[in-house]
C-alpha atoms as a PDB file:
ATOM      1  CA  MET A   1      40.347  23.917  25.020  1.00  0.00           C
ATOM      2  CA  ASN A   2      40.465  27.517  23.955  1.00  0.00           C
ATOM      3  CA  THR A   3      37.940  29.347  21.616  1.00  0.00           C
ATOM      4  CA  ALA A   4      40.340  29.192  18.745  1.00  0.00           C
ATOM      5  CA  GLN A   5      40.646  25.441  18.896  1.00  0.00           C
ATOM      6  CA  PHE A   6      36.800  25.105  19.440  1.00  0.00           C
ATOM      7  CA  SER A   7      36.144  27.179  16.234  1.00  0.00           C
ATOM      8  CA  GLN A   8      38.537  25.207  14.272  1.00  0.00           C
ATOM      9  CA  ARG A   9      36.989  21.951  15.145  1.00  0.00           C
ATOM     10  CA  VAL A  10      33.475  23.200  14.478  1.00  0.00           C
ATOM     11  CA  GLY A  11      34.682  24.461  11.066  1.00  0.00           C
ATOM     12  CA  VAL A  12      36.251  20.996  10.396  1.00  0.00           C
ATOM     13  CA  LEU A  13      33.034  19.285  11.446  1.00  0.00           C
ATOM     14  CA  PHE A  14      31.017  21.543   9.298  1.00  0.00           C
ATOM     15  CA  LEU A  15      33.091  20.895   6.043  1.00  0.00           C
ATOM     16  CA  PHE A  16      33.120  17.182   6.849  1.00  0.00           C
ATOM     17  CA  GLY A  17      29.239  17.245   7.150  1.00  0.00           C
ATOM     18  CA  ALA A  18      28.869  19.269   4.072  1.00  0.00           C
ATOM     19  CA  PHE A  19      30.950  16.866   2.224  1.00  0.00           C
ATOM     20  CA  LEU A  20      28.943  13.898   3.265  1.00  0.00           C
ATOM     21  CA  VAL A  21      25.753  15.752   2.111  1.00  0.00           C
ATOM     22  CA  THR A  22      27.196  16.396  -1.143  1.00  0.00           C
ATOM     23  CA  LEU A  23      28.316  12.734  -1.621  1.00  0.00           C
ATOM     24  CA  SER A  24      24.954  11.543  -0.597  1.00  0.00           C
ATOM     25  CA  GLN A  25      22.878  13.540  -3.202  1.00  0.00           C
ATOM     26  CA  PRO A  26      23.504  11.409  -6.365  1.00  0.00           C
ATOM     27  CA  ALA A  27      22.887   8.283  -4.494  1.00  0.00           C
ATOM     28  CA  ALA A  28      19.632   9.446  -2.970  1.00  0.00           C
ATOM     29  CA  SER A  29      18.628  10.785  -6.482  1.00  0.00           C
ATOM     30  CA  SER A  30      19.314   7.619  -8.361  1.00  0.00           C
ATOM     31  CA  LEU A  31      17.422   5.753  -5.582  1.00  0.00           C
ATOM     32  CA  ALA A  32      14.350   7.976  -5.786  1.00  0.00           C
ATOM     33  CA  GLN A  33      14.427   7.387  -9.563  1.00  0.00           C
ATOM     34  CA  ARG A  34      14.523   3.484  -9.091  1.00  0.00           C
ATOM     35  CA  LEU A  35      11.797   3.597  -6.571  1.00  0.00           C
ATOM     36  CA  ASP A  36       9.749   5.808  -9.114  1.00  0.00           C
ATOM     37  CA  ASP A  37      10.393   3.339 -12.019  1.00  0.00           C
ATOM     38  CA  GLU A  38       9.330   0.408  -9.783  1.00  0.00           C
ATOM     39  CA  SER A  39       6.321   2.230  -8.577  1.00  0.00           C
ATOM     40  CA  ALA A  40       5.252   3.068 -12.039  1.00  0.00           C
ATOM     41  CA  ARG A  41       5.642  -0.615 -13.311  1.00  0.00           C
ATOM     42  CA  LEU A  42       2.814  -1.362 -10.697  1.00  0.00           C
ATOM     43  CA  PHE A  43       0.508   0.476 -12.765  1.00  0.00           C
ATOM     44  CA  ASP A  44       1.469  -1.165 -16.174  1.00  0.00           C
ATOM     45  CA  TYR A  45      -1.067  -3.072 -17.990  1.00  0.00           C
ATOM     46  CA  GLU A  46      -1.853  -4.669 -21.363  1.00  0.00           C
ATOM     47  CA  ARG A  47      -3.535  -1.992 -23.376  1.00  0.00           C
ATOM     48  CA  SER A  48      -4.687  -4.412 -25.960  1.00  0.00           C
ATOM     49  CA  ILE A  49      -6.932  -6.369 -23.535  1.00  0.00           C
ATOM     50  CA  GLY A  50     -10.487  -4.841 -23.014  1.00  0.00           C
ATOM     51  CA  PHE A  51     -11.313  -3.418 -19.416  1.00  0.00           C
ATOM     52  CA  ASP A  52     -14.783  -4.758 -19.537  1.00  0.00           C
ATOM     53  CA  LEU A  53     -16.118  -2.936 -16.593  1.00  0.00           C
ATOM     54  CA  LYS A  54     -19.398  -4.019 -15.158  1.00  0.00           C
ATOM     55  CA  GLU A  55     -21.378  -2.400 -12.489  1.00  0.00           C
ATOM     56  CA  GLU A  56     -23.361  -4.988 -10.386  1.00  0.00           C
ATOM     57  CA  SER A  57     -25.176  -2.428  -8.100  1.00  0.00           C
ATOM     58  CA  ALA A  58     -25.206   1.178  -6.798  1.00  0.00           C
ATOM     59  CA  LYS A  59     -26.882   2.527  -3.636  1.00  0.00           C
ATOM     60  CA  GLU A  60     -26.981   5.933  -1.905  1.00  0.00           C
ATOM     61  CA  GLN A  61     -26.016   5.816   1.675  1.00  0.00           C
ATOM     62  CA  GLU A  62     -25.306   8.715   4.129  1.00  0.00           C
ATOM     63  CA  GLY A  63     -24.671  11.125   1.254  1.00  0.00           C
ATOM     64  CA  VAL A  64     -22.396   8.918  -0.833  1.00  0.00           C
ATOM     65  CA  THR A  65     -22.983   6.659  -3.788  1.00  0.00           C
ATOM     66  CA  ILE A  66     -21.526   3.241  -3.350  1.00  0.00           C
ATOM     67  CA  ARG A  67     -21.065   1.305  -6.702  1.00  0.00           C
ATOM     68  CA  ASP A  68     -20.299  -2.427  -6.664  1.00  0.00           C
ATOM     69  CA  LEU A  69     -18.123  -3.191  -9.796  1.00  0.00           C
ATOM     70  CA  ASN A  70     -15.981  -5.855 -11.434  1.00  0.00           C
ATOM     71  CA  TYR A  71     -13.715  -5.734 -14.393  1.00  0.00           C
ATOM     72  CA  ALA A  72     -11.547  -8.229 -16.383  1.00  0.00           C
ATOM     73  CA  ALA A  73      -8.180  -9.209 -14.886  1.00  0.00           C
ATOM     74  CA  SER A  74      -5.109  -8.958 -16.835  1.00  0.00           C
ATOM     75  CA  THR A  75      -5.027 -12.738 -17.554  1.00  0.00           C
ATOM     76  CA  GLN A  76      -8.048 -14.963 -18.006  1.00  0.00           C
ATOM     77  CA  GLN A  77      -6.550 -17.225 -15.051  1.00  0.00           C
ATOM     78  CA  ARG A  78      -7.327 -14.524 -12.601  1.00  0.00           C
ATOM     79  CA  GLY A  79     -11.012 -13.985 -13.801  1.00  0.00           C
ATOM     80  CA  ARG A  80     -12.658 -10.821 -12.820  1.00  0.00           C
ATOM     81  CA  VAL A  81     -11.479  -8.226 -10.181  1.00  0.00           C
ATOM     82  CA  LYS A  82     -14.174  -6.920  -7.815  1.00  0.00           C
ATOM     83  CA  ALA A  83     -14.173  -3.435  -6.575  1.00  0.00           C
ATOM     84  CA  TYR A  84     -16.018  -0.751  -4.849  1.00  0.00           C
ATOM     85  CA  LEU A  85     -16.453   2.848  -6.152  1.00  0.00           C
ATOM     86  CA  VAL A  86     -17.431   5.303  -3.326  1.00  0.00           C
ATOM     87  CA  GLN A  87     -18.506   8.634  -4.800  1.00  0.00           C
ATOM     88  CA  PRO A  88     -19.179  11.704  -2.553  1.00  0.00           C
END
């Protein structure tokens, strides 16, 4: 294979690669948007229901404050949600 043929093949491969990248952009962008929408739904909550945050205890340990909390779940069937808040 001579230099001219090699250059021509490299040029064709480059154009083909650029074409594939161009085609994949809208699909990747719509996929990213769908994933963002799905992730955002994870943080949806019923704003009319009270949060009812309660602190059970708090203690200092190794330079941080550890708070033992609980709050009302989104439905009464789930009861209360336990959580820890660690503050530096």
